[in-house]
Amino acid sequence: MAETLPEGTDHIVPGAASTNPSGGGASSGAASDNDAADLKGKAQAKASEWSAQAVDHARDYAEQGKEKASAALGSVARLIDDNAAQIDDRLGAHYGDYARRASAFVNDAADGLREKDIEELLDNAREFVRRSPRIAMAAAAASGFLTARVVKAGTAHMDVTPPTTGKGSAQRAKSPTR
């Protein structure tokens, strides 16, 4: 029996046309239960796959962030070290030595960050939060405040409208709504 399929359809799903006496789409309750269990299994497998992909992406982003942070710390260390000679000249050798020690400390921090694994960094962070929850909350609040300030400054910069010229521009400039 050769049936023509509607446009865009490539095959007939077995059992789709059959109905049970009560008018349902499945041929029996057991087949319906099997189909439901099969769909549930497929959905769980797909959810597990997506979850694994999300974890992989998060790890990749964390690794990239770790590399960028260690590179930034290395740049700060070089900047401090490059300016140590000027500090020697302006403030004295004693303060220049402070700058060199600070540079070495920041450089060691960059190297330590570069060498540690993401899991090790997460474990260290969890342990720090357990040991010092108040400091961790204060640091989170401070970083949130700084992030909000940076975002606010960036959006304020984007809200600047270019000056207009020509007839009626003074009227538009005085108008509070645009």
Protein backbone atom coordinates (compact mmCIF):
# COMPACT_ATOMS: atom_id res chain seq x y z
CA MET A 1 0.00 0.00 0.00
CA ALA A 2 1.81 3.09 -1.24
CA GLU A 3 0.61 6.24 0.48
CA THR A 4 1.66 9.71 -0.54
CA LEU A 5 2.99 11.74 2.33
CA PRO A 6 2.19 15.39 2.94
CA GLU A 7 4.79 18.01 1.96
CA GLY A 8 7.74 18.04 4.42
CA THR A 9 7.02 14.57 5.85
CA ASP A 10 9.62 11.88 5.25
CA HIS A 11 8.06 8.81 6.91
CA ILE A 12 5.01 7.48 8.71
CA VAL A 13 5.41 6.86 12.43
CA PRO A 14 4.46 3.23 13.18
CA GLY A 15 1.23 3.06 15.21
CA ALA A 16 0.37 6.72 14.68
CA ALA A 17 -2.72 5.91 12.64
CA SER A 18 -4.01 3.14 14.89
CA THR A 19 -6.38 3.95 17.74
CA ASN A 20 -7.70 2.06 20.73
CA PRO A 21 -11.44 1.57 21.24
CA SER A 22 -11.62 4.46 23.73
CA GLY A 23 -10.47 6.88 21.03
CA GLY A 24 -6.89 7.44 22.24
CA GLY A 25 -3.92 7.59 19.92
CA ALA A 26 -2.07 4.52 21.21
CA SER A 27 -3.03 0.96 20.45
CA SER A 28 -2.83 -0.09 24.11
CA GLY A 29 -2.10 1.24 27.57
CA ALA A 30 1.09 -0.84 27.84
CA ALA A 31 2.43 0.61 24.59
CA SER A 32 1.65 4.10 25.88
CA ASP A 33 3.52 3.40 29.13
CA ASN A 34 6.49 2.03 27.18
CA ASP A 35 6.50 5.11 24.95
CA ALA A 36 6.35 7.39 27.98
CA ALA A 37 9.19 5.53 29.68
CA ASP A 38 11.21 5.66 26.48
CA LEU A 39 10.64 9.42 26.16
CA LYS A 40 11.55 9.92 29.81
CA GLY A 41 14.79 8.00 29.31
CA LYS A 42 15.66 9.99 26.22
CA ALA A 43 14.90 13.27 28.01
CA GLN A 44 17.08 12.29 30.96
CA ALA A 45 19.92 11.28 28.65
CA LYS A 46 19.68 14.58 26.77
CA ALA A 47 19.57 16.53 30.06
CA SER A 48 22.68 14.70 31.26
CA GLU A 49 24.42 15.46 27.97
CA TRP A 50 23.53 19.16 28.21
CA SER A 51 24.62 19.25 31.83
CA ALA A 52 27.99 17.78 30.93
CA GLN A 53 28.37 20.31 28.12
CA ALA A 54 27.52 23.16 30.50
CA VAL A 55 30.14 21.96 32.98
CA ASP A 56 32.71 21.73 30.19
CA HIS A 57 31.91 25.24 29.00
CA ALA A 58 32.06 26.60 32.55
CA ARG A 59 35.46 24.96 33.03
CA ASP A 60 36.71 26.45 29.77
CA TYR A 61 35.52 29.92 30.79
CA ALA A 62 37.08 29.54 34.23
CA GLU A 63 40.37 28.47 32.65
CA GLN A 64 40.31 31.46 30.32
CA GLY A 65 39.52 33.76 33.25
CA LYS A 66 42.35 32.25 35.25
CA GLU A 67 44.78 32.86 32.40
CA LYS A 68 43.61 36.44 31.93
CA ALA A 69 43.83 37.15 35.66
CA SER A 70 47.33 35.71 35.94
CA ALA A 71 48.43 37.72 32.89
CA ALA A 72 46.95 40.89 34.42
CA LEU A 73 48.74 40.24 37.72
CA GLY A 74 51.97 39.70 35.82
CA SER A 75 51.46 43.03 34.05
CA VAL A 76 50.85 44.78 37.37
CA ALA A 77 54.02 43.23 38.79
CA ARG A 78 56.03 44.46 35.79
CA LEU A 79 54.50 47.92 36.10
CA ILE A 80 55.43 48.14 39.79
CA ASP A 81 58.92 46.85 39.11
CA ASP A 82 59.43 49.28 36.21
CA ASN A 83 58.47 52.19 38.46
CA ALA A 84 60.65 51.13 41.39
CA ALA A 85 63.63 53.10 40.05
CA GLN A 86 61.54 56.27 39.89
CA ILE A 87 60.36 55.63 43.43
CA ASP A 88 64.02 55.30 44.44
CA ASP A 89 64.78 58.70 42.91
CA ARG A 90 61.74 60.54 44.27
CA LEU A 91 61.14 58.96 47.67
CA GLY A 92 64.30 57.08 48.49
CA ALA A 93 65.73 53.59 48.14
CA HIS A 94 63.80 52.32 51.14
CA TYR A 95 60.46 52.93 49.38
CA GLY A 96 61.83 51.56 46.13
CA ASP A 97 62.61 48.33 47.97
CA TYR A 98 58.99 48.21 49.16
CA ALA A 99 57.89 48.51 45.56
CA ARG A 100 60.25 45.72 44.48
CA ARG A 101 58.96 43.44 47.25
CA ALA A 102 55.38 44.25 46.27
CA SER A 103 56.25 43.46 42.66
CA ALA A 104 57.76 40.12 43.67
CA PHE A 105 54.68 39.31 45.79
CA VAL A 106 52.27 40.11 42.94
CA ASN A 107 54.42 38.15 40.49
CA ASP A 108 54.44 35.13 42.84
CA ALA A 109 50.66 35.38 43.11
CA ALA A 110 50.40 35.40 39.30
CA ASP A 111 52.66 32.35 39.06
CA GLY A 112 50.68 30.54 41.77
CA LEU A 113 47.42 31.27 40.01
CA ARG A 114 48.84 30.12 36.68
CA GLU A 115 50.07 26.83 38.17
CA LYS A 116 46.94 25.87 40.11
CA ASP A 117 44.15 23.77 38.67
CA ILE A 118 40.60 25.16 38.60
CA GLU A 119 39.40 22.50 41.05
CA GLU A 120 42.18 23.43 43.46
CA LEU A 121 41.24 27.12 43.21
CA LEU A 122 37.58 26.30 43.88
CA ASP A 123 38.54 24.17 46.89
CA ASN A 124 40.70 27.01 48.23
CA ALA A 125 37.83 29.47 47.79
CA ARG A 126 35.37 27.16 49.56
CA GLU A 127 37.78 26.68 52.43
CA PHE A 128 38.34 30.43 52.72
CA VAL A 129 34.58 31.06 52.86
CA ARG A 130 34.22 28.39 55.58
CA ARG A 131 37.05 29.89 57.64
CA SER A 132 36.17 33.56 57.13
CA PRO A 133 32.56 34.01 56.05
CA ARG A 134 32.44 37.68 57.09
CA ILE A 135 35.48 38.57 55.02
CA ALA A 136 34.10 36.59 52.08
CA MET A 137 30.76 38.41 52.29
CA ALA A 138 32.51 41.78 52.56
CA ALA A 139 34.65 40.94 49.52
CA ALA A 140 31.56 39.85 47.58
CA ALA A 141 29.74 43.06 48.51
CA ALA A 142 32.75 45.19 47.56
CA SER A 143 33.17 43.43 44.21
CA GLY A 144 29.44 43.80 43.54
CA PHE A 145 29.64 47.50 44.36
CA LEU A 146 32.64 47.96 42.08
CA THR A 147 30.97 46.00 39.29
CA ALA A 148 27.85 48.15 39.61
CA ARG A 149 29.95 51.32 39.47
CA VAL A 150 31.78 50.13 36.36
CA VAL A 151 28.53 49.15 34.65
CA LYS A 152 26.89 52.44 35.65
CA ALA A 153 29.85 54.42 34.35
CA GLY A 154 29.77 52.47 31.09
CA THR A 155 26.06 52.97 30.54
CA ALA A 156 26.26 56.66 31.45
CA HIS A 157 28.90 57.02 28.75
CA MET A 158 26.61 55.33 26.22
CA ASP A 159 23.67 57.66 27.07
CA VAL A 160 25.47 60.74 25.78
CA THR A 161 23.71 62.04 22.69
CA PRO A 162 25.64 63.91 20.02
CA PRO A 163 24.92 67.62 19.66
CA THR A 164 22.51 68.53 16.91
CA THR A 165 22.68 71.55 14.65
CA GLY A 166 20.20 73.33 12.50
CA LYS A 167 16.73 74.68 12.93
CA GLY A 168 15.08 73.73 16.21
CA SER A 169 18.18 72.18 17.83
CA ALA A 170 18.00 74.55 20.81
CA GLN A 171 14.40 73.49 21.37
CA ARG A 172 15.33 69.79 21.31
CA ALA A 173 18.28 70.33 23.66
CA LYS A 174 15.99 71.94 26.27
CA SER A 175 13.37 69.22 26.02
CA PRO A 176 13.61 66.67 28.89
CA THR A 177 12.11 63.84 26.83
CA ARG A 178 13.44 62.48 23.60
